[in-house]
mmCIF file of all heavy atoms, coordinates in Angstrom:
data_MODEL
# 
_entry.id   MODEL 
# 
loop_
_atom_site.group_PDB 
_atom_site.id 
_atom_site.type_symbol 
_atom_site.label_atom_id 
_atom_site.label_alt_id 
_atom_site.label_comp_id 
_atom_site.label_asym_id 
_atom_site.label_entity_id 
_atom_site.label_seq_id 
_atom_site.pdbx_PDB_ins_code 
_atom_site.Cartn_x 
_atom_site.Cartn_y 
_atom_site.Cartn_z 
_atom_site.occupancy 
_atom_site.B_iso_or_equiv 
_atom_site.pdbx_formal_charge 
_atom_site.auth_seq_id 
_atom_site.auth_comp_id 
_atom_site.auth_asym_id 
_atom_site.auth_atom_id 
_atom_site.pdbx_PDB_model_num 
ATOM 1   N N   . SER A 1 1  ? 32.482 1.373  54.452 1.00 0.00 ? 1  SER A N   1 
ATOM 2   C CA  . SER A 1 1  ? 31.153 1.820  54.232 1.00 0.00 ? 1  SER A CA  1 
ATOM 3   C C   . SER A 1 1  ? 31.024 3.347  54.542 1.00 0.00 ? 1  SER A C   1 
ATOM 4   O O   . SER A 1 1  ? 30.380 4.067  53.834 1.00 0.00 ? 1  SER A O   1 
ATOM 5   C CB  . SER A 1 1  ? 30.132 1.032  55.047 1.00 0.00 ? 1  SER A CB  1 
ATOM 6   O OG  . SER A 1 1  ? 30.343 1.186  56.391 1.00 0.00 ? 1  SER A OG  1 
ATOM 7   N N   . THR A 1 2  ? 31.677 3.799  55.642 1.00 0.00 ? 2  THR A N   1 
ATOM 8   C CA  . THR A 1 2  ? 31.610 5.191  56.000 1.00 0.00 ? 2  THR A CA  1 
ATOM 9   C C   . THR A 1 2  ? 32.253 6.060  54.920 1.00 0.00 ? 2  THR A C   1 
ATOM 10  O O   . THR A 1 2  ? 31.612 7.010  54.457 1.00 0.00 ? 2  THR A O   1 
ATOM 11  C CB  . THR A 1 2  ? 32.323 5.417  57.336 1.00 0.00 ? 2  THR A CB  1 
ATOM 12  O OG1 . THR A 1 2  ? 31.685 4.639  58.378 1.00 0.00 ? 2  THR A OG1 1 
ATOM 13  C CG2 . THR A 1 2  ? 32.295 6.894  57.747 1.00 0.00 ? 2  THR A CG2 1 
ATOM 14  N N   . VAL A 1 3  ? 33.453 5.765  54.545 1.00 0.00 ? 3  VAL A N   1 
ATOM 15  C CA  . VAL A 1 3  ? 34.164 6.563  53.591 1.00 0.00 ? 3  VAL A CA  1 
ATOM 16  C C   . VAL A 1 3  ? 33.516 6.564  52.207 1.00 0.00 ? 3  VAL A C   1 
ATOM 17  O O   . VAL A 1 3  ? 33.284 7.573  51.564 1.00 0.00 ? 3  VAL A O   1 
ATOM 18  C CB  . VAL A 1 3  ? 35.694 6.241  53.538 1.00 0.00 ? 3  VAL A CB  1 
ATOM 19  C CG1 . VAL A 1 3  ? 36.363 6.949  52.463 1.00 0.00 ? 3  VAL A CG1 1 
ATOM 20  C CG2 . VAL A 1 3  ? 36.350 6.483  54.901 1.00 0.00 ? 3  VAL A CG2 1 
ATOM 21  N N   . LEU A 1 4  ? 33.265 5.326  51.748 1.00 0.00 ? 4  LEU A N   1 
ATOM 22  C CA  . LEU A 1 4  ? 32.730 5.209  50.360 1.00 0.00 ? 4  LEU A CA  1 
ATOM 23  C C   . LEU A 1 4  ? 31.347 5.847  50.153 1.00 0.00 ? 4  LEU A C   1 
ATOM 24  O O   . LEU A 1 4  ? 31.051 6.455  49.178 1.00 0.00 ? 4  LEU A O   1 
ATOM 25  C CB  . LEU A 1 4  ? 32.656 3.760  49.962 1.00 0.00 ? 4  LEU A CB  1 
ATOM 26  C CG  . LEU A 1 4  ? 34.006 3.039  49.697 1.00 0.00 ? 4  LEU A CG  1 
ATOM 27  C CD1 . LEU A 1 4  ? 33.771 1.583  49.397 1.00 0.00 ? 4  LEU A CD1 1 
ATOM 28  C CD2 . LEU A 1 4  ? 34.754 3.754  48.591 1.00 0.00 ? 4  LEU A CD2 1 
ATOM 29  N N   . ILE A 1 5  ? 30.550 5.743  51.178 1.00 0.00 ? 5  ILE A N   1 
ATOM 30  C CA  . ILE A 1 5  ? 29.252 6.395  51.093 1.00 0.00 ? 5  ILE A CA  1 
ATOM 31  C C   . ILE A 1 5  ? 29.268 7.881  51.313 1.00 0.00 ? 5  ILE A C   1 
ATOM 32  O O   . ILE A 1 5  ? 28.750 8.661  50.494 1.00 0.00 ? 5  ILE A O   1 
ATOM 33  C CB  . ILE A 1 5  ? 28.188 5.732  52.146 1.00 0.00 ? 5  ILE A CB  1 
ATOM 34  C CG1 . ILE A 1 5  ? 27.950 4.271  51.713 1.00 0.00 ? 5  ILE A CG1 1 
ATOM 35  C CG2 . ILE A 1 5  ? 26.897 6.513  52.181 1.00 0.00 ? 5  ILE A CG2 1 
ATOM 36  C CD1 . ILE A 1 5  ? 27.193 3.478  52.746 1.00 0.00 ? 5  ILE A CD1 1 
ATOM 37  N N   . MET A 1 6  ? 29.936 8.264  52.358 1.00 0.00 ? 6  MET A N   1 
ATOM 38  C CA  . MET A 1 6  ? 29.921 9.729  52.717 1.00 0.00 ? 6  MET A CA  1 
ATOM 39  C C   . MET A 1 6  ? 30.757 10.591 51.790 1.00 0.00 ? 6  MET A C   1 
ATOM 40  O O   . MET A 1 6  ? 30.432 11.806 51.668 1.00 0.00 ? 6  MET A O   1 
ATOM 41  C CB  . MET A 1 6  ? 30.425 9.883  54.142 1.00 0.00 ? 6  MET A CB  1 
ATOM 42  C CG  . MET A 1 6  ? 29.535 9.226  55.191 1.00 0.00 ? 6  MET A CG  1 
ATOM 43  S SD  . MET A 1 6  ? 27.748 9.630  55.028 1.00 0.00 ? 6  MET A SD  1 
ATOM 44  C CE  . MET A 1 6  ? 27.774 11.385 55.417 1.00 0.00 ? 6  MET A CE  1 
ATOM 45  N N   . ILE A 1 7  ? 31.682 10.057 51.043 1.00 0.00 ? 7  ILE A N   1 
ATOM 46  C CA  . ILE A 1 7  ? 32.434 10.882 50.080 1.00 0.00 ? 7  ILE A CA  1 
ATOM 47  C C   . ILE A 1 7  ? 31.535 11.383 48.977 1.00 0.00 ? 7  ILE A C   1 
ATOM 48  O O   . ILE A 1 7  ? 31.742 12.495 48.482 1.00 0.00 ? 7  ILE A O   1 
ATOM 49  C CB  . ILE A 1 7  ? 33.681 10.061 49.628 1.00 0.00 ? 7  ILE A CB  1 
ATOM 50  C CG1 . ILE A 1 7  ? 34.793 10.112 50.619 1.00 0.00 ? 7  ILE A CG1 1 
ATOM 51  C CG2 . ILE A 1 7  ? 34.147 10.594 48.226 1.00 0.00 ? 7  ILE A CG2 1 
ATOM 52  C CD1 . ILE A 1 7  ? 36.046 9.341  50.234 1.00 0.00 ? 7  ILE A CD1 1 
ATOM 53  N N   . PHE A 1 8  ? 30.637 10.589 48.575 1.00 0.00 ? 8  PHE A N   1 
ATOM 54  C CA  . PHE A 1 8  ? 29.741 10.943 47.414 1.00 0.00 ? 8  PHE A CA  1 
ATOM 55  C C   . PHE A 1 8  ? 28.514 11.681 47.769 1.00 0.00 ? 8  PHE A C   1 
ATOM 56  O O   . PHE A 1 8  ? 27.767 12.048 46.867 1.00 0.00 ? 8  PHE A O   1 
ATOM 57  C CB  . PHE A 1 8  ? 29.454 9.613  46.621 1.00 0.00 ? 8  PHE A CB  1 
ATOM 58  C CG  . PHE A 1 8  ? 30.647 8.900  46.127 1.00 0.00 ? 8  PHE A CG  1 
ATOM 59  C CD1 . PHE A 1 8  ? 31.117 7.742  46.705 1.00 0.00 ? 8  PHE A CD1 1 
ATOM 60  C CD2 . PHE A 1 8  ? 31.397 9.483  45.077 1.00 0.00 ? 8  PHE A CD2 1 
ATOM 61  C CE1 . PHE A 1 8  ? 32.261 7.168  46.231 1.00 0.00 ? 8  PHE A CE1 1 
ATOM 62  C CE2 . PHE A 1 8  ? 32.535 8.863  44.541 1.00 0.00 ? 8  PHE A CE2 1 
ATOM 63  C CZ  . PHE A 1 8  ? 32.979 7.687  45.161 1.00 0.00 ? 8  PHE A CZ  1 
ATOM 64  N N   . VAL A 1 9  ? 28.237 11.890 49.043 1.00 0.00 ? 9  VAL A N   1 
ATOM 65  C CA  . VAL A 1 9  ? 27.009 12.570 49.449 1.00 0.00 ? 9  VAL A CA  1 
ATOM 66  C C   . VAL A 1 9  ? 27.385 13.978 49.946 1.00 0.00 ? 9  VAL A C   1 
ATOM 67  O O   . VAL A 1 9  ? 28.283 14.138 50.688 1.00 0.00 ? 9  VAL A O   1 
ATOM 68  C CB  . VAL A 1 9  ? 26.316 11.731 50.566 1.00 0.00 ? 9  VAL A CB  1 
ATOM 69  C CG1 . VAL A 1 9  ? 25.031 12.424 51.002 1.00 0.00 ? 9  VAL A CG1 1 
ATOM 70  C CG2 . VAL A 1 9  ? 26.011 10.320 50.151 1.00 0.00 ? 9  VAL A CG2 1 
ATOM 71  N N   . PRO A 1 10 ? 26.598 14.956 49.549 1.00 0.00 ? 10 PRO A N   1 
ATOM 72  C CA  . PRO A 1 10 ? 26.891 16.349 49.987 1.00 0.00 ? 10 PRO A CA  1 
ATOM 73  C C   . PRO A 1 10 ? 26.419 16.527 51.433 1.00 0.00 ? 10 PRO A C   1 
ATOM 74  O O   . PRO A 1 10 ? 25.650 15.720 51.974 1.00 0.00 ? 10 PRO A O   1 
ATOM 75  C CB  . PRO A 1 10 ? 26.026 17.205 48.999 1.00 0.00 ? 10 PRO A CB  1 
ATOM 76  C CG  . PRO A 1 10 ? 24.902 16.335 48.588 1.00 0.00 ? 10 PRO A CG  1 
ATOM 77  C CD  . PRO A 1 10 ? 25.428 14.954 48.589 1.00 0.00 ? 10 PRO A CD  1 
ATOM 78  N N   . GLU A 1 11 ? 26.845 17.625 51.995 1.00 0.00 ? 11 GLU A N   1 
ATOM 79  C CA  . GLU A 1 11 ? 26.430 18.010 53.347 1.00 0.00 ? 11 GLU A CA  1 
ATOM 80  C C   . GLU A 1 11 ? 24.883 18.336 53.291 1.00 0.00 ? 11 GLU A C   1 
ATOM 81  O O   . GLU A 1 11 ? 24.296 18.702 52.258 1.00 0.00 ? 11 GLU A O   1 
ATOM 82  C CB  . GLU A 1 11 ? 27.185 19.292 53.775 1.00 0.00 ? 11 GLU A CB  1 
ATOM 83  C CG  . GLU A 1 11 ? 26.787 19.727 55.213 1.00 0.00 ? 11 GLU A CG  1 
ATOM 84  C CD  . GLU A 1 11 ? 26.944 18.764 56.279 1.00 0.00 ? 11 GLU A CD  1 
ATOM 85  O OE1 . GLU A 1 11 ? 28.071 18.547 56.769 1.00 0.00 ? 11 GLU A OE1 1 
ATOM 86  O OE2 . GLU A 1 11 ? 25.934 18.137 56.680 1.00 0.00 ? 11 GLU A OE2 1 
ATOM 87  N N   . SER A 1 12 ? 24.291 18.230 54.431 1.00 0.00 ? 12 SER A N   1 
ATOM 88  C CA  . SER A 1 12 ? 22.852 18.423 54.583 1.00 0.00 ? 12 SER A CA  1 
ATOM 89  C C   . SER A 1 12 ? 22.503 19.907 54.193 1.00 0.00 ? 12 SER A C   1 
ATOM 90  O O   . SER A 1 12 ? 23.070 20.861 54.752 1.00 0.00 ? 12 SER A O   1 
ATOM 91  C CB  . SER A 1 12 ? 22.399 18.145 55.987 1.00 0.00 ? 12 SER A CB  1 
ATOM 92  O OG  . SER A 1 12 ? 21.181 18.800 56.246 1.00 0.00 ? 12 SER A OG  1 
ATOM 93  N N   . PRO A 1 13 ? 21.608 20.137 53.274 1.00 0.00 ? 13 PRO A N   1 
ATOM 94  C CA  . PRO A 1 13 ? 21.130 21.499 52.902 1.00 0.00 ? 13 PRO A CA  1 
ATOM 95  C C   . PRO A 1 13 ? 20.562 22.225 54.132 1.00 0.00 ? 13 PRO A C   1 
ATOM 96  O O   . PRO A 1 13 ? 20.750 23.405 54.285 1.00 0.00 ? 13 PRO A O   1 
ATOM 97  C CB  . PRO A 1 13 ? 20.120 21.306 51.800 1.00 0.00 ? 13 PRO A CB  1 
ATOM 98  C CG  . PRO A 1 13 ? 20.182 19.902 51.379 1.00 0.00 ? 13 PRO A CG  1 
ATOM 99  C CD  . PRO A 1 13 ? 20.880 19.129 52.441 1.00 0.00 ? 13 PRO A CD  1 
ATOM 100 N N   . THR A 1 14 ? 19.831 21.412 54.960 1.00 0.00 ? 14 THR A N   1 
ATOM 101 C CA  . THR A 1 14 ? 19.230 22.064 56.146 1.00 0.00 ? 14 THR A CA  1 
ATOM 102 C C   . THR A 1 14 ? 20.274 22.559 57.071 1.00 0.00 ? 14 THR A C   1 
ATOM 103 O O   . THR A 1 14 ? 20.210 23.664 57.577 1.00 0.00 ? 14 THR A O   1 
ATOM 104 C CB  . THR A 1 14 ? 18.315 21.034 56.872 1.00 0.00 ? 14 THR A CB  1 
ATOM 105 O OG1 . THR A 1 14 ? 17.357 20.553 55.930 1.00 0.00 ? 14 THR A OG1 1 
ATOM 106 C CG2 . THR A 1 14 ? 17.651 21.606 58.076 1.00 0.00 ? 14 THR A CG2 1 
ATOM 107 N N   . TRP A 1 15 ? 21.342 21.767 57.342 1.00 0.00 ? 15 TRP A N   1 
ATOM 108 C CA  . TRP A 1 15 ? 22.393 22.247 58.238 1.00 0.00 ? 15 TRP A CA  1 
ATOM 109 C C   . TRP A 1 15 ? 23.107 23.442 57.652 1.00 0.00 ? 15 TRP A C   1 
ATOM 110 O O   . TRP A 1 15 ? 23.449 24.413 58.310 1.00 0.00 ? 15 TRP A O   1 
ATOM 111 C CB  . TRP A 1 15 ? 23.414 21.109 58.533 1.00 0.00 ? 15 TRP A CB  1 
ATOM 112 C CG  . TRP A 1 15 ? 24.494 21.561 59.449 1.00 0.00 ? 15 TRP A CG  1 
ATOM 113 C CD1 . TRP A 1 15 ? 24.420 21.597 60.812 1.00 0.00 ? 15 TRP A CD1 1 
ATOM 114 C CD2 . TRP A 1 15 ? 25.826 22.023 59.079 1.00 0.00 ? 15 TRP A CD2 1 
ATOM 115 N NE1 . TRP A 1 15 ? 25.613 22.040 61.311 1.00 0.00 ? 15 TRP A NE1 1 
ATOM 116 C CE2 . TRP A 1 15 ? 26.453 22.269 60.222 1.00 0.00 ? 15 TRP A CE2 1 
ATOM 117 C CE3 . TRP A 1 15 ? 26.479 22.146 57.887 1.00 0.00 ? 15 TRP A CE3 1 
ATOM 118 C CZ2 . TRP A 1 15 ? 27.733 22.796 60.242 1.00 0.00 ? 15 TRP A CZ2 1 
ATOM 119 C CZ3 . TRP A 1 15 ? 27.770 22.647 57.855 1.00 0.00 ? 15 TRP A CZ3 1 
ATOM 120 C CH2 . TRP A 1 15 ? 28.427 22.920 59.074 1.00 0.00 ? 15 TRP A CH2 1 
ATOM 121 N N   . LEU A 1 16 ? 23.305 23.413 56.358 1.00 0.00 ? 16 LEU A N   1 
ATOM 122 C CA  . LEU A 1 16 ? 23.997 24.553 55.693 1.00 0.00 ? 16 LEU A CA  1 
ATOM 123 C C   . LEU A 1 16 ? 23.125 25.828 55.858 1.00 0.00 ? 16 LEU A C   1 
ATOM 124 O O   . LEU A 1 16 ? 23.711 26.895 56.102 1.00 0.00 ? 16 LEU A O   1 
ATOM 125 C CB  . LEU A 1 16 ? 24.255 24.274 54.222 1.00 0.00 ? 16 LEU A CB  1 
ATOM 126 C CG  . LEU A 1 16 ? 25.327 23.186 53.961 1.00 0.00 ? 16 LEU A CG  1 
ATOM 127 C CD1 . LEU A 1 16 ? 25.314 22.701 52.484 1.00 0.00 ? 16 LEU A CD1 1 
ATOM 128 C CD2 . LEU A 1 16 ? 26.722 23.698 54.322 1.00 0.00 ? 16 LEU A CD2 1 
ATOM 129 N N   . LEU A 1 17 ? 21.822 25.648 55.705 1.00 0.00 ? 17 LEU A N   1 
ATOM 130 C CA  . LEU A 1 17 ? 20.998 26.847 55.876 1.00 0.00 ? 17 LEU A CA  1 
ATOM 131 C C   . LEU A 1 17 ? 20.982 27.329 57.330 1.00 0.00 ? 17 LEU A C   1 
ATOM 132 O O   . LEU A 1 17 ? 20.934 28.578 57.562 1.00 0.00 ? 17 LEU A O   1 
ATOM 133 C CB  . LEU A 1 17 ? 19.550 26.528 55.438 1.00 0.00 ? 17 LEU A CB  1 
ATOM 134 C CG  . LEU A 1 17 ? 19.354 26.507 53.947 1.00 0.00 ? 17 LEU A CG  1 
ATOM 135 C CD1 . LEU A 1 17 ? 17.950 25.981 53.645 1.00 0.00 ? 17 LEU A CD1 1 
ATOM 136 C CD2 . LEU A 1 17 ? 19.588 27.857 53.299 1.00 0.00 ? 17 LEU A CD2 1 
ATOM 137 N N   . LEU A 1 18 ? 21.058 26.360 58.293 1.00 0.00 ? 18 LEU A N   1 
ATOM 138 C CA  . LEU A 1 18 ? 21.181 26.734 59.683 1.00 0.00 ? 18 LEU A CA  1 
ATOM 139 C C   . LEU A 1 18 ? 22.428 27.556 59.985 1.00 0.00 ? 18 LEU A C   1 
ATOM 140 O O   . LEU A 1 18 ? 22.461 28.405 60.892 1.00 0.00 ? 18 LEU A O   1 
ATOM 141 C CB  . LEU A 1 18 ? 21.146 25.488 60.603 1.00 0.00 ? 18 LEU A CB  1 
ATOM 142 C CG  . LEU A 1 18 ? 19.826 24.845 60.836 1.00 0.00 ? 18 LEU A CG  1 
ATOM 143 C CD1 . LEU A 1 18 ? 20.038 23.528 61.494 1.00 0.00 ? 18 LEU A CD1 1 
ATOM 144 C CD2 . LEU A 1 18 ? 18.954 25.722 61.665 1.00 0.00 ? 18 LEU A CD2 1 
ATOM 145 N N   . LYS A 1 19 ? 23.502 27.348 59.170 1.00 0.00 ? 19 LYS A N   1 
ATOM 146 C CA  . LYS A 1 19 ? 24.738 28.058 59.264 1.00 0.00 ? 19 LYS A CA  1 
ATOM 147 C C   . LYS A 1 19 ? 24.858 29.294 58.308 1.00 0.00 ? 19 LYS A C   1 
ATOM 148 O O   . LYS A 1 19 ? 25.916 29.805 58.183 1.00 0.00 ? 19 LYS A O   1 
ATOM 149 C CB  . LYS A 1 19 ? 25.908 27.163 59.064 1.00 0.00 ? 19 LYS A CB  1 
ATOM 150 C CG  . LYS A 1 19 ? 25.965 25.960 60.035 1.00 0.00 ? 19 LYS A CG  1 
ATOM 151 C CD  . LYS A 1 19 ? 26.127 26.426 61.436 1.00 0.00 ? 19 LYS A CD  1 
ATOM 152 C CE  . LYS A 1 19 ? 26.161 25.312 62.414 1.00 0.00 ? 19 LYS A CE  1 
ATOM 153 N NZ  . LYS A 1 19 ? 26.141 25.725 63.821 1.00 0.00 ? 19 LYS A NZ  1 
ATOM 154 N N   . ASN A 1 20 ? 23.711 29.647 57.758 1.00 0.00 ? 20 ASN A N   1 
ATOM 155 C CA  . ASN A 1 20 ? 23.664 30.788 56.808 1.00 0.00 ? 20 ASN A CA  1 
ATOM 156 C C   . ASN A 1 20 ? 24.523 30.650 55.628 1.00 0.00 ? 20 ASN A C   1 
ATOM 157 O O   . ASN A 1 20 ? 25.102 31.599 55.096 1.00 0.00 ? 20 ASN A O   1 
ATOM 158 C CB  . ASN A 1 20 ? 23.892 32.126 57.501 1.00 0.00 ? 20 ASN A CB  1 
ATOM 159 C CG  . ASN A 1 20 ? 22.785 32.465 58.496 1.00 0.00 ? 20 ASN A CG  1 
ATOM 160 O OD1 . ASN A 1 20 ? 21.596 32.249 58.162 1.00 0.00 ? 20 ASN A OD1 1 
ATOM 161 N ND2 . ASN A 1 20 ? 23.159 32.915 59.667 1.00 0.00 ? 20 ASN A ND2 1 
ATOM 162 N N   . ARG A 1 21 ? 24.662 29.422 55.147 1.00 0.00 ? 21 ARG A N   1 
ATOM 163 C CA  . ARG A 1 21 ? 25.525 29.137 53.939 1.00 0.00 ? 21 ARG A CA  1 
ATOM 164 C C   . ARG A 1 21 ? 24.588 28.777 52.802 1.00 0.00 ? 21 ARG A C   1 
ATOM 165 O O   . ARG A 1 21 ? 24.494 27.658 52.315 1.00 0.00 ? 21 ARG A O   1 
ATOM 166 C CB  . ARG A 1 21 ? 26.450 28.039 54.258 1.00 0.00 ? 21 ARG A CB  1 
ATOM 167 C CG  . ARG A 1 21 ? 27.544 28.489 55.306 1.00 0.00 ? 21 ARG A CG  1 
ATOM 168 C CD  . ARG A 1 21 ? 28.223 27.388 56.010 1.00 0.00 ? 21 ARG A CD  1 
ATOM 169 N NE  . ARG A 1 21 ? 28.981 26.479 55.144 1.00 0.00 ? 21 ARG A NE  1 
ATOM 170 C CZ  . ARG A 1 21 ? 29.659 25.476 55.690 1.00 0.00 ? 21 ARG A CZ  1 
ATOM 171 N NH1 . ARG A 1 21 ? 29.824 25.245 56.983 1.00 0.00 ? 21 ARG A NH1 1 
ATOM 172 N NH2 . ARG A 1 21 ? 30.311 24.661 54.884 1.00 0.00 ? 21 ARG A NH2 1 
ATOM 173 N N   . LYS A 1 22 ? 23.791 29.763 52.306 1.00 0.00 ? 22 LYS A N   1 
ATOM 174 C CA  . LYS A 1 22 ? 22.704 29.551 51.363 1.00 0.00 ? 22 LYS A CA  1 
ATOM 175 C C   . LYS A 1 22 ? 23.199 29.056 50.025 1.00 0.00 ? 22 LYS A C   1 
ATOM 176 O O   . LYS A 1 22 ? 22.564 28.201 49.357 1.00 0.00 ? 22 LYS A O   1 
ATOM 177 C CB  . LYS A 1 22 ? 21.899 30.836 51.189 1.00 0.00 ? 22 LYS A CB  1 
ATOM 178 C CG  . LYS A 1 22 ? 21.092 31.084 52.413 1.00 0.00 ? 22 LYS A CG  1 
ATOM 179 C CD  . LYS A 1 22 ? 20.229 32.356 52.211 1.00 0.00 ? 22 LYS A CD  1 
ATOM 180 C CE  . LYS A 1 22 ? 19.416 32.607 53.551 1.00 0.00 ? 22 LYS A CE  1 
ATOM 181 N NZ  . LYS A 1 22 ? 18.516 33.738 53.443 1.00 0.00 ? 22 LYS A NZ  1 
ATOM 182 N N   . ASP A 1 23 ? 24.317 29.617 49.479 1.00 0.00 ? 23 ASP A N   1 
ATOM 183 C CA  . ASP A 1 23 ? 24.819 29.141 48.189 1.00 0.00 ? 23 ASP A CA  1 
ATOM 184 C C   . ASP A 1 23 ? 25.241 27.671 48.219 1.00 0.00 ? 23 ASP A C   1 
ATOM 185 O O   . ASP A 1 23 ? 24.876 26.901 47.320 1.00 0.00 ? 23 ASP A O   1 
ATOM 186 C CB  . ASP A 1 23 ? 26.001 30.030 47.784 1.00 0.00 ? 23 ASP A CB  1 
ATOM 187 C CG  . ASP A 1 23 ? 25.626 31.453 47.465 1.00 0.00 ? 23 ASP A CG  1 
ATOM 188 O OD1 . ASP A 1 23 ? 24.431 31.672 47.148 1.00 0.00 ? 23 ASP A OD1 1 
ATOM 189 O OD2 . ASP A 1 23 ? 26.485 32.282 47.465 1.00 0.00 ? 23 ASP A OD2 1 
ATOM 190 N N   . GLU A 1 24 ? 25.901 27.291 49.341 1.00 0.00 ? 24 GLU A N   1 
ATOM 191 C CA  . GLU A 1 24 ? 26.310 25.924 49.468 1.00 0.00 ? 24 GLU A CA  1 
ATOM 192 C C   . GLU A 1 24 ? 25.060 25.007 49.620 1.00 0.00 ? 24 GLU A C   1 
ATOM 193 O O   . GLU A 1 24 ? 25.057 23.890 49.136 1.00 0.00 ? 24 GLU A O   1 
ATOM 194 C CB  . GLU A 1 24 ? 27.226 25.707 50.654 1.00 0.00 ? 24 GLU A CB  1 
ATOM 195 C CG  . GLU A 1 24 ? 28.613 26.285 50.473 1.00 0.00 ? 24 GLU A CG  1 
ATOM 196 C CD  . GLU A 1 24 ? 29.465 26.182 51.755 1.00 0.00 ? 24 GLU A CD  1 
ATOM 197 O OE1 . GLU A 1 24 ? 29.792 25.044 52.169 1.00 0.00 ? 24 GLU A OE1 1 
ATOM 198 O OE2 . GLU A 1 24 ? 29.684 27.231 52.416 1.00 0.00 ? 24 GLU A OE2 1 
ATOM 199 N N   . ALA A 1 25 ? 24.015 25.465 50.380 1.00 0.00 ? 25 ALA A N   1 
ATOM 200 C CA  . ALA A 1 25 ? 22.803 24.727 50.545 1.00 0.00 ? 25 ALA A CA  1 
ATOM 201 C C   . ALA A 1 25 ? 22.107 24.492 49.199 1.00 0.00 ? 25 ALA A C   1 
ATOM 202 O O   . ALA A 1 25 ? 21.666 23.364 48.936 1.00 0.00 ? 25 ALA A O   1 
ATOM 203 C CB  . ALA A 1 25 ? 21.905 25.445 51.521 1.00 0.00 ? 25 ALA A CB  1 
# 
């Protein structure tokens, strides 16, 4: 369940913005 679900879901846009990774967000 962990691997199958999490492989297909992107990283959190909020966390990416907190890390100043706007393009990835």
